[in-house]
Amino acid sequence: MKHFFADADLGLIGLLFFFAFFCVTVLWTFRPGGKKTYVEHGDIPLKEKDDE
């Protein structure tokens, strides 16, 4: 088990995986069609409840 955590290749694979995950997250966040959704979600705290 000790050799599993000391393997340099697994560290590189983990680095590449998290870098790819970060890139996909950034691209998803700044995609062209997402602005409308983010504006709607940002306005949620400012809306009044009609239930009361």
N, C-alpha and C. Protein backbone atom coordinates (compact mmCIF):
# COMPACT_ATOMS: atom_id res chain seq x y z
N MET A 1 0.83 -1.19 0.00
CA MET A 1 0.00 0.00 0.00
C MET A 1 0.87 1.25 0.00
N LYS A 2 2.01 1.18 0.66
CA LYS A 2 2.90 2.33 0.73
C LYS A 2 3.44 2.70 -0.66
N HIS A 3 3.66 1.70 -1.51
CA HIS A 3 4.17 1.96 -2.85
C HIS A 3 3.10 2.59 -3.73
N PHE A 4 1.85 2.34 -3.42
CA PHE A 4 0.74 2.90 -4.20
C PHE A 4 0.73 4.41 -4.11
N PHE A 5 0.94 4.96 -2.92
CA PHE A 5 0.90 6.40 -2.73
C PHE A 5 2.20 7.08 -3.16
N ALA A 6 3.28 6.33 -3.31
CA ALA A 6 4.57 6.90 -3.68
C ALA A 6 4.83 6.82 -5.18
N ASP A 7 3.89 6.32 -5.94
CA ASP A 7 4.07 6.15 -7.38
C ASP A 7 3.95 7.51 -8.07
N ALA A 8 5.01 7.90 -8.79
CA ALA A 8 5.03 9.21 -9.46
C ALA A 8 4.02 9.26 -10.61
N ASP A 9 3.79 8.14 -11.27
CA ASP A 9 2.84 8.14 -12.38
C ASP A 9 1.42 8.42 -11.92
N LEU A 10 1.06 7.91 -10.77
CA LEU A 10 -0.29 8.17 -10.24
C LEU A 10 -0.44 9.64 -9.85
N GLY A 11 0.62 10.25 -9.38
CA GLY A 11 0.56 11.68 -9.07
C GLY A 11 0.34 12.50 -10.32
N LEU A 12 1.00 12.13 -11.40
CA LEU A 12 0.82 12.84 -12.67
C LEU A 12 -0.58 12.63 -13.21
N ILE A 13 -1.10 11.42 -13.10
CA ILE A 13 -2.46 11.15 -13.56
C ILE A 13 -3.46 11.97 -12.74
N GLY A 14 -3.26 12.04 -11.44
CA GLY A 14 -4.14 12.85 -10.59
C GLY A 14 -4.07 14.32 -10.94
N LEU A 15 -2.86 14.82 -11.20
CA LEU A 15 -2.69 16.22 -11.59
C LEU A 15 -3.42 16.51 -12.89
N LEU A 16 -3.27 15.63 -13.86
CA LEU A 16 -3.94 15.83 -15.15
C LEU A 16 -5.45 15.75 -15.02
N PHE A 17 -5.92 14.83 -14.18
CA PHE A 17 -7.36 14.70 -13.96
C PHE A 17 -7.94 15.97 -13.36
N PHE A 18 -7.31 16.51 -12.31
CA PHE A 18 -7.85 17.70 -11.67
C PHE A 18 -7.68 18.94 -12.54
N PHE A 19 -6.63 19.00 -13.36
CA PHE A 19 -6.48 20.11 -14.29
C PHE A 19 -7.58 20.07 -15.34
N ALA A 20 -7.87 18.87 -15.86
CA ALA A 20 -8.95 18.73 -16.85
C ALA A 20 -10.29 19.08 -16.22
N PHE A 21 -10.53 18.64 -14.98
CA PHE A 21 -11.77 18.97 -14.28
C PHE A 21 -11.90 20.48 -14.11
N PHE A 22 -10.81 21.15 -13.75
CA PHE A 22 -10.82 22.61 -13.59
C PHE A 22 -11.15 23.29 -14.92
N CYS A 23 -10.53 22.83 -15.99
CA CYS A 23 -10.77 23.45 -17.31
C CYS A 23 -12.23 23.26 -17.74
N VAL A 24 -12.77 22.08 -17.53
CA VAL A 24 -14.16 21.83 -17.89
C VAL A 24 -15.09 22.69 -17.05
N THR A 25 -14.79 22.86 -15.77
CA THR A 25 -15.61 23.70 -14.89
C THR A 25 -15.59 25.15 -15.34
N VAL A 26 -14.43 25.66 -15.70
CA VAL A 26 -14.33 27.05 -16.18
C VAL A 26 -15.09 27.22 -17.49
N LEU A 27 -14.92 26.28 -18.41
CA LEU A 27 -15.63 26.39 -19.69
C LEU A 27 -17.14 26.30 -19.49
N TRP A 28 -17.59 25.45 -18.58
CA TRP A 28 -19.02 25.32 -18.31
C TRP A 28 -19.57 26.60 -17.69
N THR A 29 -18.80 27.22 -16.81
CA THR A 29 -19.25 28.43 -16.14
C THR A 29 -19.38 29.60 -17.11
N PHE A 30 -18.44 29.73 -18.03
CA PHE A 30 -18.42 30.86 -18.94
C PHE A 30 -18.97 30.54 -20.32
N ARG A 31 -19.80 29.50 -20.41
CA ARG A 31 -20.40 29.17 -21.71
C ARG A 31 -21.37 30.28 -22.11
N PRO A 32 -21.57 30.47 -23.41
CA PRO A 32 -22.41 31.58 -23.88
C PRO A 32 -23.85 31.55 -23.38
N GLY A 33 -24.47 30.41 -23.25
CA GLY A 33 -25.88 30.34 -22.88
C GLY A 33 -26.13 30.40 -21.38
N GLY A 34 -25.11 30.51 -20.57
CA GLY A 34 -25.29 30.44 -19.12
C GLY A 34 -25.61 31.75 -18.44
N LYS A 35 -25.42 32.87 -19.11
CA LYS A 35 -25.59 34.16 -18.46
C LYS A 35 -27.02 34.37 -17.95
N LYS A 36 -28.01 34.01 -18.76
CA LYS A 36 -29.40 34.20 -18.36
C LYS A 36 -29.70 33.42 -17.08
N THR A 37 -29.21 32.20 -17.01
CA THR A 37 -29.44 31.37 -15.82
C THR A 37 -28.80 31.99 -14.60
N TYR A 38 -27.57 32.48 -14.74
CA TYR A 38 -26.86 33.07 -13.59
C TYR A 38 -27.52 34.36 -13.13
N VAL A 39 -28.04 35.14 -14.06
CA VAL A 39 -28.74 36.37 -13.68
C VAL A 39 -30.03 36.03 -12.92
N GLU A 40 -30.76 35.03 -13.39
CA GLU A 40 -31.98 34.61 -12.70
C GLU A 40 -31.67 34.08 -11.30
N HIS A 41 -30.63 33.30 -11.17
CA HIS A 41 -30.26 32.77 -9.86
C HIS A 41 -29.75 33.88 -8.94
N GLY A 42 -29.10 34.89 -9.50
CA GLY A 42 -28.61 36.00 -8.70
C GLY A 42 -29.73 36.88 -8.17
N ASP A 43 -30.88 36.88 -8.83
CA ASP A 43 -32.00 37.71 -8.41
C ASP A 43 -32.90 37.02 -7.38
N ILE A 44 -32.67 35.77 -7.08
CA ILE A 44 -33.53 35.03 -6.15
C ILE A 44 -33.64 35.71 -4.79
N PRO A 45 -32.55 36.17 -4.17
CA PRO A 45 -32.69 36.80 -2.85
C PRO A 45 -33.47 38.11 -2.87
N LEU A 46 -33.58 38.74 -4.03
CA LEU A 46 -34.25 40.03 -4.13
C LEU A 46 -35.74 39.93 -4.42
N LYS A 47 -36.19 38.74 -4.77
CA LYS A 47 -37.61 38.56 -5.08
C LYS A 47 -38.43 38.46 -3.79
N GLU A 48 -39.63 39.00 -3.85
CA GLU A 48 -40.52 38.93 -2.71
C GLU A 48 -41.38 37.67 -2.83
N LYS A 49 -41.70 37.13 -1.69
CA LYS A 49 -42.58 35.95 -1.69
C LYS A 49 -44.02 36.39 -1.83
N ASP A 50 -44.77 35.74 -2.68
CA ASP A 50 -46.18 36.04 -2.86
C ASP A 50 -47.06 35.19 -1.94
N ASP A 51 -46.45 34.23 -1.24
CA ASP A 51 -47.21 33.31 -0.39
C ASP A 51 -47.74 33.99 0.87
N GLU A 52 -47.09 34.98 1.37
CA GLU A 52 -47.45 35.56 2.67
C GLU A 52 -48.46 36.66 2.54
